[in-house]
């Protein structure tokens, strides 16, 4: 079964998922404009990212990322404590959703932030249509996928950004800053 990347949990914990609450902040951490809190995790959206109501109850949060190539999208998934499958399986699935650009060899990286272990990947190429009804209906060339698994008490949580490379390339550091700012509620 597909896990976080396809919105189908590896274990049936979807009924336990909580949709996060999003609030504007006058003074934002790391330049963000909205704070997301839900399912035991909090984080700040980067400046300019526009919070949206999640499209499904399997999404903790969702945002649009405006940019020159067209909008990108952030989706944050939570399938209940321990749900969603192993870290490497999710990374492999995300990489498999892309036809890699020539010479691209995505390599996951891991870091610690605020007592959370974060494994993330940056993939460039053609975003392929999903068999699960999510993502593009036709191949999207010159795309980018930024994916991260945040492990910590009550987790894991899955962060996935997809969209045009020209929109997401300049947002890569903002994505990492958002991840470095995750915190418990």
N, C-alpha and C. Protein backbone atom coordinates (compact mmCIF):
# COMPACT_ATOMS: atom_id res chain seq x y z
N UNK A 1 0.83 -1.19 0.00
CA UNK A 1 0.00 0.00 0.00
C UNK A 1 0.86 1.24 0.00
N UNK A 2 0.44 2.27 -0.67
CA UNK A 2 1.18 3.52 -0.66
C UNK A 2 0.90 4.23 0.66
N UNK A 3 1.90 4.95 1.13
CA UNK A 3 1.73 5.63 2.41
C UNK A 3 1.58 7.12 2.20
N UNK A 4 2.40 7.90 2.87
CA UNK A 4 2.22 9.35 2.90
C UNK A 4 2.17 9.99 1.53
N UNK A 5 2.95 9.52 0.62
CA UNK A 5 3.03 10.17 -0.68
C UNK A 5 1.73 10.08 -1.45
N UNK A 6 0.95 9.04 -1.24
CA UNK A 6 -0.27 8.87 -2.01
C UNK A 6 -1.52 9.17 -1.20
N UNK A 7 -1.36 9.51 0.04
CA UNK A 7 -2.44 9.78 0.96
C UNK A 7 -3.17 8.52 1.39
N UNK A 8 -2.61 7.35 1.17
CA UNK A 8 -3.17 6.11 1.68
C UNK A 8 -2.21 5.60 2.74
N UNK A 9 -2.62 5.55 4.00
CA UNK A 9 -1.69 5.16 5.05
C UNK A 9 -1.34 3.69 4.97
N UNK A 10 -0.12 3.37 5.43
CA UNK A 10 0.32 1.99 5.48
C UNK A 10 -0.49 1.22 6.53
N UNK A 11 -0.93 1.91 7.54
CA UNK A 11 -1.81 1.32 8.54
C UNK A 11 -3.05 2.18 8.60
N UNK A 12 -4.16 1.62 8.97
CA UNK A 12 -5.42 2.36 8.93
C UNK A 12 -5.56 3.25 10.15
N UNK A 13 -4.94 4.41 10.07
CA UNK A 13 -5.02 5.37 11.17
C UNK A 13 -5.61 6.70 10.72
N UNK A 14 -6.15 6.73 9.53
CA UNK A 14 -6.66 8.00 8.98
C UNK A 14 -7.70 8.63 9.89
N UNK A 15 -8.50 7.81 10.57
CA UNK A 15 -9.53 8.37 11.44
C UNK A 15 -8.93 9.12 12.61
N UNK A 16 -7.65 8.85 12.92
CA UNK A 16 -6.98 9.53 14.01
C UNK A 16 -6.34 10.84 13.57
N UNK A 17 -6.28 11.08 12.27
CA UNK A 17 -5.61 12.28 11.76
C UNK A 17 -6.36 13.53 12.19
N UNK A 18 -5.60 14.57 12.50
CA UNK A 18 -6.20 15.85 12.88
C UNK A 18 -5.82 16.87 11.84
N UNK A 19 -6.77 17.66 11.41
CA UNK A 19 -6.44 18.77 10.51
C UNK A 19 -5.88 19.87 11.38
N UNK A 20 -4.75 20.41 10.94
CA UNK A 20 -4.08 21.45 11.71
C UNK A 20 -4.83 22.76 11.67
N UNK A 21 -4.58 23.57 12.67
CA UNK A 21 -5.14 24.90 12.67
C UNK A 21 -4.07 25.86 12.18
N UNK A 22 -4.48 26.84 11.41
CA UNK A 22 -3.56 27.80 10.83
C UNK A 22 -3.95 29.17 11.32
N UNK A 23 -2.97 29.90 11.82
CA UNK A 23 -3.25 31.25 12.28
C UNK A 23 -2.20 32.21 11.75
N UNK A 24 -2.62 33.43 11.48
CA UNK A 24 -1.67 34.46 11.06
C UNK A 24 -0.91 34.94 12.27
N UNK A 25 0.30 35.39 12.04
CA UNK A 25 1.11 35.90 13.14
C UNK A 25 1.59 37.29 12.78
N UNK A 26 1.56 38.18 13.77
CA UNK A 26 2.10 39.52 13.54
C UNK A 26 3.62 39.45 13.44
N UNK A 27 4.22 38.64 14.27
CA UNK A 27 5.66 38.50 14.29
C UNK A 27 5.95 37.04 14.00
N UNK A 28 6.44 36.75 12.82
CA UNK A 28 6.61 35.37 12.40
C UNK A 28 8.04 34.90 12.60
N UNK A 29 8.16 33.62 12.91
CA UNK A 29 9.46 32.99 13.05
C UNK A 29 9.99 32.72 11.65
N UNK A 30 11.27 32.94 11.41
CA UNK A 30 11.94 32.67 10.13
C UNK A 30 11.25 33.35 8.95
N UNK A 31 10.60 34.49 9.20
CA UNK A 31 10.01 35.24 8.10
C UNK A 31 8.68 34.72 7.61
N UNK A 32 8.08 33.75 8.29
CA UNK A 32 6.81 33.19 7.85
C UNK A 32 5.65 34.07 8.21
N UNK A 33 4.49 33.74 7.67
CA UNK A 33 3.32 34.53 7.93
C UNK A 33 2.21 33.78 8.62
N UNK A 34 2.29 32.45 8.67
CA UNK A 34 1.25 31.64 9.29
C UNK A 34 1.89 30.54 10.11
N UNK A 35 1.24 30.20 11.21
CA UNK A 35 1.67 29.10 12.04
C UNK A 35 0.68 27.97 11.89
N UNK A 36 1.17 26.75 11.79
CA UNK A 36 0.33 25.57 11.71
C UNK A 36 0.57 24.76 12.97
N UNK A 37 -0.50 24.38 13.65
CA UNK A 37 -0.44 23.53 14.84
C UNK A 37 -1.46 22.42 14.69
N UNK A 38 -1.03 21.19 14.87
CA UNK A 38 -1.96 20.07 14.83
C UNK A 38 -1.23 18.76 14.98
N UNK A 39 -1.92 17.79 15.51
CA UNK A 39 -1.39 16.43 15.67
C UNK A 39 -0.06 16.42 16.41
N UNK A 40 0.09 17.34 17.38
CA UNK A 40 1.29 17.36 18.21
C UNK A 40 2.48 18.07 17.61
N UNK A 41 2.33 18.72 16.45
CA UNK A 41 3.45 19.39 15.79
C UNK A 41 3.06 20.81 15.42
N UNK A 42 4.00 21.72 15.52
CA UNK A 42 3.80 23.09 15.08
C UNK A 42 4.93 23.49 14.16
N UNK A 43 4.62 24.37 13.21
CA UNK A 43 5.64 24.92 12.31
C UNK A 43 5.09 26.19 11.68
N UNK A 44 6.01 26.98 11.12
CA UNK A 44 5.65 28.24 10.49
C UNK A 44 5.81 28.13 8.99
N UNK A 45 4.78 28.55 8.25
CA UNK A 45 4.89 28.58 6.80
C UNK A 45 5.84 29.70 6.39
N UNK A 46 6.65 29.48 5.37
CA UNK A 46 7.52 30.54 4.88
C UNK A 46 6.73 31.74 4.34
N UNK A 47 7.37 32.88 4.35
CA UNK A 47 6.77 34.10 3.84
C UNK A 47 6.29 33.89 2.42
N UNK A 48 5.05 34.29 2.13
CA UNK A 48 4.49 34.20 0.79
C UNK A 48 3.74 32.90 0.51
N UNK A 49 3.97 31.87 1.31
CA UNK A 49 3.24 30.62 1.12
C UNK A 49 1.83 30.85 1.66
N UNK A 50 0.83 30.45 0.90
CA UNK A 50 -0.56 30.76 1.24
C UNK A 50 -1.26 29.53 1.80
N UNK A 51 -1.59 29.59 3.08
CA UNK A 51 -2.28 28.48 3.74
C UNK A 51 -3.63 28.25 3.09
N UNK A 52 -4.01 26.98 2.98
CA UNK A 52 -5.30 26.57 2.43
C UNK A 52 -5.95 25.55 3.36
N UNK A 53 -7.25 25.38 3.20
CA UNK A 53 -7.94 24.30 3.90
C UNK A 53 -7.52 22.99 3.24
N UNK A 54 -7.09 22.01 4.02
CA UNK A 54 -6.67 20.74 3.43
C UNK A 54 -7.79 20.10 2.61
N UNK A 55 -7.38 19.51 1.46
CA UNK A 55 -8.32 18.87 0.54
C UNK A 55 -8.83 17.53 1.06
N UNK A 56 -8.14 16.95 2.02
CA UNK A 56 -8.54 15.64 2.52
C UNK A 56 -8.27 15.57 4.01
N UNK A 57 -8.97 14.68 4.70
CA UNK A 57 -8.76 14.56 6.14
C UNK A 57 -7.45 13.87 6.46
N UNK A 58 -6.73 13.40 5.45
CA UNK A 58 -5.43 12.79 5.67
C UNK A 58 -4.32 13.84 5.66
N UNK A 59 -4.68 15.06 5.30
CA UNK A 59 -3.71 16.15 5.29
C UNK A 59 -3.85 16.96 6.57
N UNK A 60 -2.74 17.14 7.22
CA UNK A 60 -2.70 17.98 8.41
C UNK A 60 -2.75 19.45 8.01
N UNK A 61 -2.06 19.78 6.92
CA UNK A 61 -2.01 21.16 6.45
C UNK A 61 -1.73 21.16 4.95
N UNK A 62 -1.99 22.33 4.33
CA UNK A 62 -1.80 22.48 2.90
C UNK A 62 -1.54 23.95 2.61
N UNK A 63 -0.70 24.23 1.62
CA UNK A 63 -0.42 25.61 1.23
C UNK A 63 -0.07 25.66 -0.25
N UNK A 64 -0.33 26.81 -0.85
CA UNK A 64 0.09 27.10 -2.22
C UNK A 64 1.35 27.94 -2.15
N UNK A 65 2.26 27.65 -3.07
CA UNK A 65 3.52 28.38 -3.13
C UNK A 65 3.56 29.12 -4.47
N UNK A 66 3.32 30.42 -4.47
CA UNK A 66 3.33 31.16 -5.73
C UNK A 66 4.74 31.30 -6.27
N UNK A 67 4.83 31.40 -7.60
CA UNK A 67 6.14 31.59 -8.19
C UNK A 67 6.07 31.77 -9.69
N UNK A 68 7.20 32.06 -10.32
CA UNK A 68 7.25 32.41 -11.73
C UNK A 68 6.83 31.29 -12.68
N UNK A 69 6.97 30.03 -12.29
CA UNK A 69 6.60 28.92 -13.17
C UNK A 69 5.18 28.45 -12.97
N UNK A 70 4.45 29.07 -12.07
CA UNK A 70 3.12 28.60 -11.68
C UNK A 70 3.18 28.11 -10.25
N UNK A 71 2.04 27.84 -9.65
CA UNK A 71 2.03 27.50 -8.23
C UNK A 71 2.58 26.11 -7.93
N UNK A 72 3.23 26.03 -6.77
CA UNK A 72 3.61 24.76 -6.18
C UNK A 72 2.65 24.48 -5.04
N UNK A 73 2.72 23.28 -4.48
CA UNK A 73 1.83 22.94 -3.38
C UNK A 73 2.57 22.19 -2.28
N UNK A 74 2.30 22.60 -1.05
CA UNK A 74 2.76 21.89 0.14
C UNK A 74 1.60 21.09 0.69
N UNK A 75 1.84 19.84 1.01
CA UNK A 75 0.87 19.02 1.73
C UNK A 75 1.62 18.37 2.89
N UNK A 76 1.04 18.44 4.07
CA UNK A 76 1.61 17.82 5.26
C UNK A 76 0.64 16.74 5.71
N UNK A 77 1.17 15.53 5.86
CA UNK A 77 0.35 14.37 6.19
C UNK A 77 0.67 13.85 7.58
N UNK A 78 -0.35 13.34 8.24
CA UNK A 78 -0.19 12.68 9.53
C UNK A 78 -1.17 11.52 9.56
N UNK A 79 -0.67 10.32 9.79
CA UNK A 79 -1.50 9.12 9.78
C UNK A 79 -1.63 8.49 11.15
N UNK A 80 -1.33 9.23 12.19
CA UNK A 80 -1.38 8.71 13.54
C UNK A 80 0.01 8.28 13.98
N UNK A 81 0.21 8.16 15.29
CA UNK A 81 1.53 7.77 15.80
C UNK A 81 2.00 6.46 15.16
N UNK A 82 3.20 6.51 14.61
CA UNK A 82 3.80 5.32 13.99
C UNK A 82 3.26 4.99 12.61
N UNK A 83 2.29 5.74 12.09
CA UNK A 83 1.67 5.43 10.81
C UNK A 83 2.41 6.02 9.63
N UNK A 84 2.04 5.56 8.45
CA UNK A 84 2.58 6.12 7.21
C UNK A 84 3.75 5.39 6.62
N UNK A 85 4.26 4.38 7.26
CA UNK A 85 5.34 3.60 6.69
C UNK A 85 6.72 4.12 7.07
N UNK A 86 7.73 3.29 6.76
CA UNK A 86 9.12 3.65 7.11
C UNK A 86 9.64 4.85 6.31
N UNK A 87 10.61 5.53 6.89
CA UNK A 87 11.20 6.72 6.27
C UNK A 87 11.69 6.40 4.86
N UNK A 88 12.54 5.39 4.71
CA UNK A 88 13.14 5.11 3.42
C UNK A 88 12.10 4.73 2.38
N UNK A 89 11.05 4.03 2.78
CA UNK A 89 9.99 3.67 1.84
C UNK A 89 9.30 4.91 1.29
N UNK A 90 9.10 5.92 2.12
CA UNK A 90 8.48 7.16 1.66
C UNK A 90 9.43 7.94 0.75
N UNK A 91 10.70 8.01 1.10
CA UNK A 91 11.68 8.69 0.25
C UNK A 91 11.73 8.00 -1.11
N UNK A 92 11.81 6.68 -1.11
CA UNK A 92 11.86 5.92 -2.37
C UNK A 92 10.61 6.15 -3.20
N UNK A 93 9.45 6.20 -2.57
CA UNK A 93 8.19 6.43 -3.27
C UNK A 93 8.18 7.81 -3.92
N UNK A 94 8.63 8.81 -3.16
CA UNK A 94 8.66 10.17 -3.72
C UNK A 94 9.61 10.24 -4.91
N UNK A 95 10.80 9.67 -4.79
CA UNK A 95 11.74 9.66 -5.90
C UNK A 95 11.12 8.94 -7.09
N UNK A 96 10.37 7.87 -6.84
CA UNK A 96 9.71 7.11 -7.90
C UNK A 96 8.58 7.85 -8.59
N UNK A 97 8.10 8.93 -7.98
CA UNK A 97 7.04 9.73 -8.60
C UNK A 97 7.60 10.71 -9.63
N UNK A 98 8.91 10.70 -9.77
CA UNK A 98 9.59 11.60 -10.70
C UNK A 98 10.38 10.79 -11.72
N UNK A 99 10.35 11.24 -12.96
CA UNK A 99 11.30 10.77 -13.97
C UNK A 99 12.47 11.73 -13.83
N UNK A 100 13.60 11.22 -13.36
CA UNK A 100 14.70 12.09 -12.98
C UNK A 100 15.31 12.83 -14.16
N UNK A 101 15.72 14.05 -13.89
CA UNK A 101 16.44 14.85 -14.89
C UNK A 101 17.78 14.19 -15.15
N UNK A 102 18.33 14.36 -16.36
CA UNK A 102 19.64 13.78 -16.65
C UNK A 102 20.67 14.23 -15.62
N UNK A 103 21.43 13.28 -15.12
CA UNK A 103 22.47 13.58 -14.14
C UNK A 103 21.96 13.76 -12.72
N UNK A 104 20.65 13.72 -12.53
CA UNK A 104 20.09 13.90 -11.18
C UNK A 104 20.20 12.58 -10.41
N UNK A 105 20.73 12.66 -9.25
CA UNK A 105 20.83 11.50 -8.37
C UNK A 105 20.48 11.96 -6.96
N UNK A 106 19.18 12.02 -6.66
CA UNK A 106 18.78 12.54 -5.35
C UNK A 106 19.32 11.67 -4.22
N UNK A 107 19.81 12.32 -3.21
CA UNK A 107 20.36 11.63 -2.06
C UNK A 107 19.72 12.22 -0.80
N UNK A 108 19.01 11.40 -0.05
CA UNK A 108 18.38 11.93 1.17
C UNK A 108 19.43 12.44 2.16
N UNK A 109 19.05 13.46 2.89
CA UNK A 109 19.90 14.01 3.94
C UNK A 109 19.10 14.00 5.24
N UNK A 110 19.80 13.93 6.35
CA UNK A 110 19.15 13.90 7.66
C UNK A 110 19.79 14.93 8.57
N UNK A 111 18.95 15.60 9.36
CA UNK A 111 19.45 16.53 10.37
C UNK A 111 18.52 16.50 11.57
N UNK A 112 18.96 17.06 12.67
CA UNK A 112 18.17 17.16 13.90
C UNK A 112 17.77 18.62 14.11
N UNK A 113 16.53 18.81 14.57
CA UNK A 113 16.05 20.15 14.90
C UNK A 113 15.03 20.05 16.02
N UNK A 114 15.29 20.73 17.11
CA UNK A 114 14.33 20.79 18.23
C UNK A 114 13.87 19.41 18.69
N UNK A 115 14.79 18.48 18.77
CA UNK A 115 14.52 17.10 19.21
C UNK A 115 13.71 16.28 18.20
N UNK A 116 13.73 16.68 16.95
CA UNK A 116 13.10 15.92 15.86
C UNK A 116 14.20 15.50 14.89
N UNK A 117 14.04 14.32 14.34
CA UNK A 117 14.94 13.82 13.30
C UNK A 117 14.22 14.02 11.96
N UNK A 118 14.88 14.73 11.05
CA UNK A 118 14.27 15.09 9.77
C UNK A 118 15.11 14.52 8.64
N UNK A 119 14.47 13.69 7.82
CA UNK A 119 15.10 13.14 6.62
C UNK A 119 14.38 13.74 5.43
N UNK A 120 15.16 14.31 4.52
CA UNK A 120 14.53 15.01 3.40
C UNK A 120 15.25 14.71 2.10
N UNK A 121 14.55 14.98 1.00
CA UNK A 121 15.09 14.74 -0.33
C UNK A 121 14.62 15.84 -1.28
N UNK A 122 15.45 16.16 -2.26
CA UNK A 122 15.18 17.17 -3.28
C UNK A 122 15.31 16.47 -4.62
N UNK A 123 14.21 16.38 -5.37
CA UNK A 123 14.19 15.62 -6.63
C UNK A 123 13.76 16.53 -7.77
N UNK A 124 14.52 16.50 -8.87
CA UNK A 124 14.20 17.31 -10.05
C UNK A 124 13.96 16.40 -11.24
N UNK A 125 13.03 16.80 -12.10
CA UNK A 125 12.75 16.03 -13.32
C UNK A 125 11.32 16.25 -13.77
N UNK A 126 10.69 15.17 -14.21
CA UNK A 126 9.30 15.21 -14.66
C UNK A 126 8.43 14.55 -13.59
N UNK A 127 7.48 15.31 -13.05
CA UNK A 127 6.54 14.76 -12.07
C UNK A 127 5.53 13.92 -12.85
N UNK A 128 5.42 12.66 -12.48
CA UNK A 128 4.56 11.74 -13.19
C UNK A 128 3.14 11.76 -12.63
N UNK A 129 2.15 11.44 -13.46
CA UNK A 129 0.76 11.37 -12.95
C UNK A 129 0.67 10.30 -11.88
N UNK A 130 -0.17 10.54 -10.92
CA UNK A 130 -0.36 9.59 -9.83
C UNK A 130 -1.50 8.64 -10.14
N UNK A 131 -1.34 7.41 -9.72
CA UNK A 131 -2.41 6.43 -9.87
C UNK A 131 -3.47 6.61 -8.79
N UNK A 132 -3.20 7.49 -7.82
CA UNK A 132 -4.11 7.70 -6.71
C UNK A 132 -4.96 8.96 -6.86
N UNK A 133 -4.89 9.62 -8.03
CA UNK A 133 -5.70 10.81 -8.25
C UNK A 133 -5.12 12.09 -7.71
N UNK A 134 -3.90 12.05 -7.18
CA UNK A 134 -3.26 13.25 -6.66
C UNK A 134 -2.17 13.66 -7.63
N UNK A 135 -1.84 14.94 -7.66
CA UNK A 135 -0.78 15.40 -8.54
C UNK A 135 -1.31 15.65 -9.94
N UNK A 136 -0.39 15.78 -10.90
CA UNK A 136 -0.80 16.15 -12.25
C UNK A 136 -1.51 14.99 -12.96
N UNK A 137 -2.38 15.33 -13.91
CA UNK A 137 -3.07 14.30 -14.69
C UNK A 137 -2.23 13.87 -15.90
N UNK A 138 -1.27 14.71 -16.27
CA UNK A 138 -0.31 14.40 -17.33
C UNK A 138 1.08 14.69 -16.78
N UNK A 139 2.13 14.10 -17.38
CA UNK A 139 3.48 14.38 -16.88
C UNK A 139 3.78 15.88 -16.86
N UNK A 140 4.44 16.33 -15.79
CA UNK A 140 4.81 17.73 -15.62
C UNK A 140 6.33 17.84 -15.73
N UNK A 141 6.85 18.22 -16.93
CA UNK A 141 8.30 18.37 -17.06
C UNK A 141 8.81 19.56 -16.27
N UNK A 142 10.12 19.58 -16.04
CA UNK A 142 10.77 20.68 -15.32
C UNK A 142 10.12 20.92 -13.96
N UNK A 143 9.88 19.83 -13.25
CA UNK A 143 9.23 19.88 -11.94
C UNK A 143 10.25 19.60 -10.83
N UNK A 144 9.79 19.82 -9.63
CA UNK A 144 10.63 19.56 -8.46
C UNK A 144 9.75 19.00 -7.36
N UNK A 145 10.32 18.12 -6.55
CA UNK A 145 9.64 17.56 -5.39
C UNK A 145 10.60 17.68 -4.22
N UNK A 146 10.12 18.30 -3.16
CA UNK A 146 10.85 18.38 -1.89
C UNK A 146 10.03 17.57 -0.90
N UNK A 147 10.61 16.55 -0.33
CA UNK A 147 9.88 15.71 0.61
C UNK A 147 10.67 15.53 1.88
N UNK A 148 9.96 15.44 3.00
CA UNK A 148 10.63 15.25 4.29
C UNK A 148 9.76 14.41 5.22
N UNK A 149 10.43 13.58 5.99
CA UNK A 149 9.79 12.83 7.06
C UNK A 149 10.34 13.39 8.36
N UNK A 150 9.44 13.85 9.23
CA UNK A 150 9.80 14.41 10.52
C UNK A 150 9.45 13.37 11.58
N UNK A 151 10.48 12.86 12.26
CA UNK A 151 10.28 11.84 13.29
C UNK A 151 10.45 12.46 14.66
N UNK A 152 9.53 12.14 15.55
CA UNK A 152 9.59 12.62 16.92
C UNK A 152 8.43 12.03 17.70
N UNK A 153 8.32 12.39 18.97
CA UNK A 153 7.24 11.86 19.79
C UNK A 153 5.87 12.13 19.17
N UNK A 154 5.08 11.09 18.97
CA UNK A 154 3.75 11.23 18.40
C UNK A 154 3.72 11.20 16.89
N UNK A 155 4.88 11.14 16.23
CA UNK A 155 4.95 11.20 14.77
C UNK A 155 5.03 9.83 14.14
N UNK A 156 5.34 9.78 12.91
CA UNK A 156 5.96 10.77 12.05
C UNK A 156 4.96 11.65 11.31
N UNK A 157 5.50 12.75 10.77
CA UNK A 157 4.76 13.67 9.92
C UNK A 157 5.49 13.72 8.58
N UNK A 158 4.73 13.90 7.50
CA UNK A 158 5.28 13.85 6.15
C UNK A 158 5.01 15.17 5.44
N UNK A 159 6.06 15.84 4.98
CA UNK A 159 5.97 17.11 4.28
C UNK A 159 6.33 16.86 2.82
N UNK A 160 5.46 17.28 1.90
CA UNK A 160 5.73 17.07 0.48
C UNK A 160 5.36 18.34 -0.29
N UNK A 161 6.33 18.85 -1.05
CA UNK A 161 6.14 20.02 -1.90
C UNK A 161 6.36 19.58 -3.34
N UNK A 162 5.43 19.92 -4.23
CA UNK A 162 5.58 19.62 -5.65
C UNK A 162 5.20 20.85 -6.46
N UNK A 163 5.81 20.96 -7.65
CA UNK A 163 5.47 22.05 -8.55
C UNK A 163 6.58 22.31 -9.53
N UNK A 164 6.44 23.39 -10.29
CA UNK A 164 7.45 23.75 -11.27
C UNK A 164 8.80 24.05 -10.61
N UNK A 165 9.88 23.58 -11.22
CA UNK A 165 11.21 23.82 -10.68
C UNK A 165 11.50 25.31 -10.56
N UNK A 166 11.07 26.11 -11.54
CA UNK A 166 11.36 27.54 -11.49
C UNK A 166 10.66 28.23 -10.32
N UNK A 167 9.59 27.65 -9.83
CA UNK A 167 8.92 28.17 -8.63
C UNK A 167 9.58 27.65 -7.37
N UNK A 168 9.91 26.36 -7.35
CA UNK A 168 10.39 25.74 -6.11
C UNK A 168 11.89 25.87 -5.86
N UNK A 169 12.69 26.02 -6.90
CA UNK A 169 14.14 26.16 -6.69
C UNK A 169 14.46 27.31 -5.74
N UNK A 170 13.85 28.49 -5.92
CA UNK A 170 14.16 29.57 -4.98
C UNK A 170 13.51 29.39 -3.61
N UNK A 171 12.65 28.38 -3.45
CA UNK A 171 11.97 28.13 -2.17
C UNK A 171 12.63 27.01 -1.36
N UNK A 172 13.68 26.41 -1.92
CA UNK A 172 14.35 25.28 -1.25
C UNK A 172 14.83 25.66 0.15
N UNK A 173 15.51 26.80 0.29
CA UNK A 173 16.00 27.22 1.60
C UNK A 173 14.85 27.54 2.55
N UNK A 174 13.75 28.09 2.03
CA UNK A 174 12.58 28.37 2.87
C UNK A 174 11.97 27.07 3.38
N UNK A 175 11.93 26.04 2.52
CA UNK A 175 11.45 24.72 2.93
C UNK A 175 12.30 24.18 4.08
N UNK A 176 13.62 24.25 3.92
CA UNK A 176 14.52 23.77 4.98
C UNK A 176 14.38 24.58 6.26
N UNK A 177 14.22 25.89 6.16
CA UNK A 177 14.02 26.71 7.35
C UNK A 177 12.73 26.33 8.07
N UNK A 178 11.67 26.05 7.29
CA UNK A 178 10.41 25.61 7.89
C UNK A 178 10.63 24.32 8.67
N UNK A 179 11.36 23.38 8.07
CA UNK A 179 11.61 22.10 8.74
C UNK A 179 12.46 22.30 10.01
N UNK A 180 13.43 23.18 9.95
CA UNK A 180 14.29 23.43 11.11
C UNK A 180 13.53 24.08 12.25
N UNK A 181 12.35 24.65 11.94
CA UNK A 181 11.54 25.31 12.97
C UNK A 181 10.42 24.43 13.53
N UNK A 182 10.35 23.15 13.15
CA UNK A 182 9.28 22.31 13.70
C UNK A 182 9.45 22.21 15.21
N UNK A 183 8.32 22.08 15.88
CA UNK A 183 8.33 22.03 17.35
C UNK A 183 7.09 21.30 17.84
N UNK A 184 7.17 20.79 19.04
CA UNK A 184 6.03 20.16 19.67
C UNK A 184 5.02 21.20 20.10
N UNK A 185 3.80 20.75 20.27
CA UNK A 185 2.75 21.67 20.70
C UNK A 185 2.62 21.66 22.20
